[in-house]
Amino acid sequence: LPGIDGPVGYEGGVISIGVRLARVEPRIV
């Protein structure tokens, strides 16, 4: 989308989802 380019953070929610995302998604810094 215009105006958004990262980098990306993730916060909150079910902690296991955050663990998996932080492990597999390289755009999350």
PDB file of all heavy atoms in Angstrom:
ATOM      1  N   LEU A   1       0.833  -1.204   0.000  1.00  0.00           N
ATOM      2  CA  LEU A   1       0.000   0.000   0.000  1.00  0.00           C
ATOM      3  C   LEU A   1       0.869   1.257   0.000  1.00  0.00           C
ATOM      4  O   LEU A   1       1.955   1.264   0.588  1.00  0.00           O
ATOM      5  CB  LEU A   1      -0.912   0.008   1.230  1.00  0.00           C
ATOM      6  CG  LEU A   1      -1.979  -1.075   1.306  1.00  0.00           C
ATOM      7  CD1 LEU A   1      -2.688  -1.010   2.659  1.00  0.00           C
ATOM      8  CD2 LEU A   1      -2.984  -0.926   0.165  1.00  0.00           C
ATOM      9  N   PRO A   2       0.405   2.330  -0.618  1.00  0.00           N
ATOM     10  CA  PRO A   2       1.154   3.591  -0.571  1.00  0.00           C
ATOM     11  C   PRO A   2       1.326   4.075   0.866  1.00  0.00           C
ATOM     12  O   PRO A   2       0.408   3.991   1.675  1.00  0.00           O
ATOM     13  CB  PRO A   2       0.262   4.552  -1.368  1.00  0.00           C
ATOM     14  CG  PRO A   2      -0.611   3.680  -2.212  1.00  0.00           C
ATOM     15  CD  PRO A   2      -0.828   2.433  -1.418  1.00  0.00           C
ATOM     16  N   GLY A   3       2.520   4.532   1.182  1.00  0.00           N
ATOM     17  CA  GLY A   3       2.771   5.119   2.490  1.00  0.00           C
ATOM     18  C   GLY A   3       3.214   4.150   3.551  1.00  0.00           C
ATOM     19  O   GLY A   3       3.498   4.556   4.682  1.00  0.00           O
ATOM     20  N   ILE A   4       3.269   2.844   3.232  1.00  0.00           N
ATOM     21  CA  ILE A   4       3.716   1.841   4.202  1.00  0.00           C
ATOM     22  C   ILE A   4       4.825   1.024   3.553  1.00  0.00           C
ATOM     23  O   ILE A   4       4.632   0.479   2.473  1.00  0.00           O
ATOM     24  CB  ILE A   4       2.574   0.906   4.640  1.00  0.00           C
ATOM     25  CG1 ILE A   4       1.429   1.693   5.265  1.00  0.00           C
ATOM     26  CG2 ILE A   4       3.077  -0.145   5.621  1.00  0.00           C
ATOM     27  CD1 ILE A   4       0.210   0.846   5.607  1.00  0.00           C
ATOM     28  N   ASP A   5       5.983   0.938   4.214  1.00  0.00           N
ATOM     29  CA  ASP A   5       7.046   0.132   3.626  1.00  0.00           C
ATOM     30  C   ASP A   5       7.840  -0.681   4.642  1.00  0.00           C
ATOM     31  O   ASP A   5       8.842  -1.309   4.300  1.00  0.00           O
ATOM     32  CB  ASP A   5       8.004   1.011   2.815  1.00  0.00           C
ATOM     33  CG  ASP A   5       8.860   1.924   3.692  1.00  0.00           C
ATOM     34  OD1 ASP A   5       8.562   2.035   4.897  1.00  0.00           O
ATOM     35  OD2 ASP A   5       9.823   2.513   3.181  1.00  0.00           O
ATOM     36  N   GLY A   6       7.404  -0.685   5.900  1.00  0.00           N
ATOM     37  CA  GLY A   6       8.185  -1.397   6.898  1.00  0.00           C
ATOM     38  C   GLY A   6       9.342  -0.528   7.375  1.00  0.00           C
ATOM     39  O   GLY A   6       9.477   0.621   6.958  1.00  0.00           O
ATOM     40  N   PRO A   7      10.201  -1.061   8.250  1.00  0.00           N
ATOM     41  CA  PRO A   7      10.161  -2.434   8.767  1.00  0.00           C
ATOM     42  C   PRO A   7       8.928  -2.718   9.609  1.00  0.00           C
ATOM     43  O   PRO A   7       8.119  -1.829   9.848  1.00  0.00           O
ATOM     44  CB  PRO A   7      11.453  -2.528   9.588  1.00  0.00           C
ATOM     45  CG  PRO A   7      11.753  -1.124   9.984  1.00  0.00           C
ATOM     46  CD  PRO A   7      11.294  -0.266   8.841  1.00  0.00           C
ATOM     47  N   VAL A   8       8.804  -3.967  10.047  1.00  0.00           N
ATOM     48  CA  VAL A   8       7.577  -4.437  10.664  1.00  0.00           C
ATOM     49  C   VAL A   8       7.852  -4.931  12.080  1.00  0.00           C
ATOM     50  O   VAL A   8       8.851  -5.614  12.329  1.00  0.00           O
ATOM     51  CB  VAL A   8       6.953  -5.577   9.827  1.00  0.00           C
ATOM     52  CG1 VAL A   8       5.662  -6.076  10.461  1.00  0.00           C
ATOM     53  CG2 VAL A   8       6.711  -5.119   8.397  1.00  0.00           C
ATOM     54  N   GLY A   9       6.949  -4.600  12.983  1.00  0.00           N
ATOM     55  CA  GLY A   9       6.961  -5.147  14.332  1.00  0.00           C
ATOM     56  C   GLY A   9       5.688  -5.934  14.571  1.00  0.00           C
ATOM     57  O   GLY A   9       4.686  -5.760  13.878  1.00  0.00           O
ATOM     58  N   TYR A  10       5.722  -6.815  15.545  1.00  0.00           N
ATOM     59  CA  TYR A  10       4.533  -7.571  15.946  1.00  0.00           C
ATOM     60  C   TYR A  10       4.383  -7.449  17.445  1.00  0.00           C
ATOM     61  O   TYR A  10       5.375  -7.522  18.190  1.00  0.00           O
ATOM     62  CB  TYR A  10       4.654  -9.052  15.571  1.00  0.00           C
ATOM     63  CG  TYR A  10       3.483  -9.870  16.088  1.00  0.00           C
ATOM     64  CD1 TYR A  10       2.306  -9.976  15.350  1.00  0.00           C
ATOM     65  CD2 TYR A  10       3.531 -10.501  17.333  1.00  0.00           C
ATOM     66  CE1 TYR A  10       1.221 -10.694  15.834  1.00  0.00           C
ATOM     67  CE2 TYR A  10       2.455 -11.211  17.829  1.00  0.00           C
ATOM     68  CZ  TYR A  10       1.298 -11.302  17.074  1.00  0.00           C
ATOM     69  OH  TYR A  10       0.214 -11.996  17.562  1.00  0.00           O
ATOM     70  N   GLU A  11       3.119  -7.313  17.905  1.00  0.00           N
ATOM     71  CA  GLU A  11       2.904  -7.249  19.344  1.00  0.00           C
ATOM     72  C   GLU A  11       1.604  -7.896  19.752  1.00  0.00           C
ATOM     73  O   GLU A  11       0.629  -7.917  19.005  1.00  0.00           O
ATOM     74  CB  GLU A  11       2.924  -5.802  19.836  1.00  0.00           C
ATOM     75  CG  GLU A  11       1.698  -5.005  19.512  1.00  0.00           C
ATOM     76  CD  GLU A  11       1.396  -3.935  20.563  1.00  0.00           C
ATOM     77  OE1 GLU A  11       2.256  -3.648  21.398  1.00  0.00           O
ATOM     78  OE2 GLU A  11       0.274  -3.410  20.525  1.00  0.00           O
ATOM     79  N   GLY A  12       1.612  -8.429  20.971  1.00  0.00           N
ATOM     80  CA  GLY A  12       0.392  -8.840  21.635  1.00  0.00           C
ATOM     81  C   GLY A  12      -0.199 -10.154  21.148  1.00  0.00           C
ATOM     82  O   GLY A  12       0.403 -10.920  20.408  1.00  0.00           O
ATOM     83  N   GLY A  13      -1.426 -10.402  21.601  1.00  0.00           N
ATOM     84  CA  GLY A  13      -2.174 -11.560  21.164  1.00  0.00           C
ATOM     85  C   GLY A  13      -1.705 -12.859  21.789  1.00  0.00           C
ATOM     86  O   GLY A  13      -1.044 -12.889  22.832  1.00  0.00           O
ATOM     87  N   VAL A  14      -2.051 -13.953  21.138  1.00  0.00           N
ATOM     88  CA  VAL A  14      -1.646 -15.286  21.586  1.00  0.00           C
ATOM     89  C   VAL A  14      -0.138 -15.399  21.415  1.00  0.00           C
ATOM     90  O   VAL A  14       0.380 -15.294  20.307  1.00  0.00           O
ATOM     91  CB  VAL A  14      -2.369 -16.375  20.767  1.00  0.00           C
ATOM     92  CG1 VAL A  14      -1.911 -17.765  21.187  1.00  0.00           C
ATOM     93  CG2 VAL A  14      -3.886 -16.229  20.911  1.00  0.00           C
ATOM     94  N   ILE A  15       0.578 -15.617  22.505  1.00  0.00           N
ATOM     95  CA  ILE A  15       2.035 -15.533  22.450  1.00  0.00           C
ATOM     96  C   ILE A  15       2.638 -16.566  21.499  1.00  0.00           C
ATOM     97  O   ILE A  15       3.663 -16.311  20.857  1.00  0.00           O
ATOM     98  CB  ILE A  15       2.649 -15.648  23.857  1.00  0.00           C
ATOM     99  CG1 ILE A  15       4.121 -15.190  23.838  1.00  0.00           C
ATOM    100  CG2 ILE A  15       2.484 -17.043  24.425  1.00  0.00           C
ATOM    101  CD1 ILE A  15       4.719 -15.002  25.215  1.00  0.00           C
ATOM    102  N   SER A  16       2.007 -17.721  21.343  1.00  0.00           N
ATOM    103  CA  SER A  16       2.542 -18.731  20.430  1.00  0.00           C
ATOM    104  C   SER A  16       2.481 -18.270  18.978  1.00  0.00           C
ATOM    105  O   SER A  16       3.357 -18.621  18.176  1.00  0.00           O
ATOM    106  CB  SER A  16       1.792 -20.051  20.597  1.00  0.00           C
ATOM    107  OG  SER A  16       2.047 -20.621  21.876  1.00  0.00           O
ATOM    108  N   ILE A  17       1.472 -17.491  18.619  1.00  0.00           N
ATOM    109  CA  ILE A  17       1.421 -16.916  17.280  1.00  0.00           C
ATOM    110  C   ILE A  17       2.586 -15.953  17.098  1.00  0.00           C
ATOM    111  O   ILE A  17       3.259 -15.950  16.052  1.00  0.00           O
ATOM    112  CB  ILE A  17       0.073 -16.206  17.032  1.00  0.00           C
ATOM    113  CG1 ILE A  17      -1.059 -17.232  16.996  1.00  0.00           C
ATOM    114  CG2 ILE A  17       0.107 -15.401  15.738  1.00  0.00           C
ATOM    115  CD1 ILE A  17      -2.438 -16.623  16.848  1.00  0.00           C
ATOM    116  N   GLY A  18       2.856 -15.135  18.116  1.00  0.00           N
ATOM    117  CA  GLY A  18       3.979 -14.213  18.042  1.00  0.00           C
ATOM    118  C   GLY A  18       5.307 -14.933  17.919  1.00  0.00           C
ATOM    119  O   GLY A  18       6.195 -14.516  17.172  1.00  0.00           O
ATOM    120  N   VAL A  19       5.466 -16.042  18.660  1.00  0.00           N
ATOM    121  CA  VAL A  19       6.707 -16.814  18.580  1.00  0.00           C
ATOM    122  C   VAL A  19       6.908 -17.348  17.159  1.00  0.00           C
ATOM    123  O   VAL A  19       7.993 -17.214  16.572  1.00  0.00           O
ATOM    124  CB  VAL A  19       6.689 -17.975  19.589  1.00  0.00           C
ATOM    125  CG1 VAL A  19       7.873 -18.915  19.359  1.00  0.00           C
ATOM    126  CG2 VAL A  19       6.711 -17.440  21.019  1.00  0.00           C
ATOM    127  N   ARG A  20       5.863 -17.954  16.597  1.00  0.00           N
ATOM    128  CA  ARG A  20       5.985 -18.511  15.245  1.00  0.00           C
ATOM    129  C   ARG A  20       6.262 -17.422  14.214  1.00  0.00           C
ATOM    130  O   ARG A  20       7.131 -17.590  13.338  1.00  0.00           O
ATOM    131  CB  ARG A  20       4.703 -19.267  14.899  1.00  0.00           C
ATOM    132  CG  ARG A  20       4.613 -19.811  13.474  1.00  0.00           C
ATOM    133  CD  ARG A  20       5.496 -20.993  13.196  1.00  0.00           C
ATOM    134  NE  ARG A  20       5.211 -22.116  14.067  1.00  0.00           N
ATOM    135  CZ  ARG A  20       4.194 -23.002  13.877  1.00  0.00           C
ATOM    136  NH1 ARG A  20       3.394 -22.876  12.826  1.00  0.00           N
ATOM    137  NH2 ARG A  20       4.016 -23.995  14.724  1.00  0.00           N
ATOM    138  N   LEU A  21       5.546 -16.307  14.306  1.00  0.00           N
ATOM    139  CA  LEU A  21       5.772 -15.224  13.346  1.00  0.00           C
ATOM    140  C   LEU A  21       7.186 -14.676  13.456  1.00  0.00           C
ATOM    141  O   LEU A  21       7.849 -14.430  12.439  1.00  0.00           O
ATOM    142  CB  LEU A  21       4.755 -14.097  13.569  1.00  0.00           C
ATOM    143  CG  LEU A  21       3.441 -14.205  12.823  1.00  0.00           C
ATOM    144  CD1 LEU A  21       2.467 -13.131  13.311  1.00  0.00           C
ATOM    145  CD2 LEU A  21       3.640 -14.072  11.312  1.00  0.00           C
ATOM    146  N   ALA A  22       7.653 -14.482  14.675  1.00  0.00           N
ATOM    147  CA  ALA A  22       9.002 -13.953  14.865  1.00  0.00           C
ATOM    148  C   ALA A  22      10.058 -14.917  14.330  1.00  0.00           C
ATOM    149  O   ALA A  22      11.136 -14.503  13.906  1.00  0.00           O
ATOM    150  CB  ALA A  22       9.258 -13.672  16.341  1.00  0.00           C
ATOM    151  N   ARG A  23       9.737 -16.202  14.328  1.00  0.00           N
ATOM    152  CA  ARG A  23      10.691 -17.197  13.842  1.00  0.00           C
ATOM    153  C   ARG A  23      10.711 -17.283  12.319  1.00  0.00           C
ATOM    154  O   ARG A  23      11.781 -17.389  11.719  1.00  0.00           O
ATOM    155  CB  ARG A  23      10.360 -18.579  14.422  1.00  0.00           C
ATOM    156  CG  ARG A  23      11.323 -19.658  13.967  1.00  0.00           C
ATOM    157  CD  ARG A  23      11.011 -20.995  14.576  1.00  0.00           C
ATOM    158  NE  ARG A  23       9.816 -21.615  14.035  1.00  0.00           N
ATOM    159  CZ  ARG A  23       9.762 -22.277  12.878  1.00  0.00           C
ATOM    160  NH1 ARG A  23      10.842 -22.373  12.111  1.00  0.00           N
ATOM    161  NH2 ARG A  23       8.640 -22.843  12.485  1.00  0.00           N
ATOM    162  N   VAL A  24       9.526 -17.227  11.680  1.00  0.00           N
ATOM    163  CA  VAL A  24       9.458 -17.552  10.242  1.00  0.00           C
ATOM    164  C   VAL A  24       9.364 -16.339   9.334  1.00  0.00           C
ATOM    165  O   VAL A  24       9.611 -16.457   8.126  1.00  0.00           O
ATOM    166  CB  VAL A  24       8.276 -18.497   9.941  1.00  0.00           C
ATOM    167  CG1 VAL A  24       8.376 -19.760  10.778  1.00  0.00           C
ATOM    168  CG2 VAL A  24       6.919 -17.805  10.169  1.00  0.00           C
ATOM    169  N   GLU A  25       8.990 -15.165   9.861  1.00  0.00           N
ATOM    170  CA  GLU A  25       8.743 -14.011   9.003  1.00  0.00           C
ATOM    171  C   GLU A  25       9.924 -13.041   9.071  1.00  0.00           C
ATOM    172  O   GLU A  25      10.073 -12.302  10.035  1.00  0.00           O
ATOM    173  CB  GLU A  25       7.438 -13.313   9.408  1.00  0.00           C
ATOM    174  CG  GLU A  25       7.115 -12.049   8.633  1.00  0.00           C
ATOM    175  CD  GLU A  25       7.228 -12.248   7.132  1.00  0.00           C
ATOM    176  OE1 GLU A  25       6.380 -12.971   6.558  1.00  0.00           O
ATOM    177  OE2 GLU A  25       8.177 -11.685   6.546  1.00  0.00           O
ATOM    178  N   PRO A  26      10.756 -12.992   8.020  1.00  0.00           N
ATOM    179  CA  PRO A  26      11.964 -12.152   8.075  1.00  0.00           C
ATOM    180  C   PRO A  26      11.684 -10.657   8.081  1.00  0.00           C
ATOM    181  O   PRO A  26      12.565  -9.874   8.457  1.00  0.00           O
ATOM    182  CB  PRO A  26      12.737 -12.571   6.814  1.00  0.00           C
ATOM    183  CG  PRO A  26      11.698 -13.118   5.890  1.00  0.00           C
ATOM    184  CD  PRO A  26      10.678 -13.776   6.761  1.00  0.00           C
ATOM    185  N   ARG A  27      10.481 -10.257   7.673  1.00  0.00           N
ATOM    186  CA  ARG A  27      10.176  -8.817   7.658  1.00  0.00           C
ATOM    187  C   ARG A  27       9.875  -8.282   9.049  1.00  0.00           C
ATOM    188  O   ARG A  27       9.863  -7.067   9.255  1.00  0.00           O
ATOM    189  CB  ARG A  27       9.017  -8.552   6.700  1.00  0.00           C
ATOM    190  CG  ARG A  27       9.386  -8.795   5.241  1.00  0.00           C
ATOM    191  CD  ARG A  27       8.167  -8.781   4.329  1.00  0.00           C
ATOM    192  NE  ARG A  27       7.282  -9.912   4.596  1.00  0.00           N
ATOM    193  CZ  ARG A  27       6.211 -10.221   3.852  1.00  0.00           C
ATOM    194  NH1 ARG A  27       5.906  -9.457   2.806  1.00  0.00           N
ATOM    195  NH2 ARG A  27       5.451 -11.265   4.150  1.00  0.00           N
ATOM    196  N   ILE A  28       9.631  -9.159  10.009  1.00  0.00           N
ATOM    197  CA  ILE A  28       9.424  -8.738  11.396  1.00  0.00           C
ATOM    198  C   ILE A  28      10.787  -8.603  12.060  1.00  0.00           C
ATOM    199  O   ILE A  28      11.538  -9.570  12.176  1.00  0.00           O
ATOM    200  CB  ILE A  28       8.545  -9.739  12.153  1.00  0.00           C
ATOM    201  CG1 ILE A  28       7.113  -9.703  11.589  1.00  0.00           C
ATOM    202  CG2 ILE A  28       8.537  -9.433  13.648  1.00  0.00           C
ATOM    203  CD1 ILE A  28       6.177 -10.711  12.218  1.00  0.00           C
ATOM    204  N   VAL A  29      11.107  -7.384  12.498  1.00  0.00           N
ATOM    205  CA  VAL A  29      12.440  -7.109  13.047  1.00  0.00           C
ATOM    206  C   VAL A  29      12.423  -6.934  14.561  1.00  0.00           C
ATOM    207  O   VAL A  29      13.488  -6.823  15.173  1.00  0.00           O
ATOM    208  CB  VAL A  29      13.057  -5.863  12.380  1.00  0.00           C
ATOM    209  CG1 VAL A  29      13.154  -6.049  10.871  1.00  0.00           C
ATOM    210  CG2 VAL A  29      12.255  -4.602  12.709  1.00  0.00           C
TER     211      VAL A  29
END
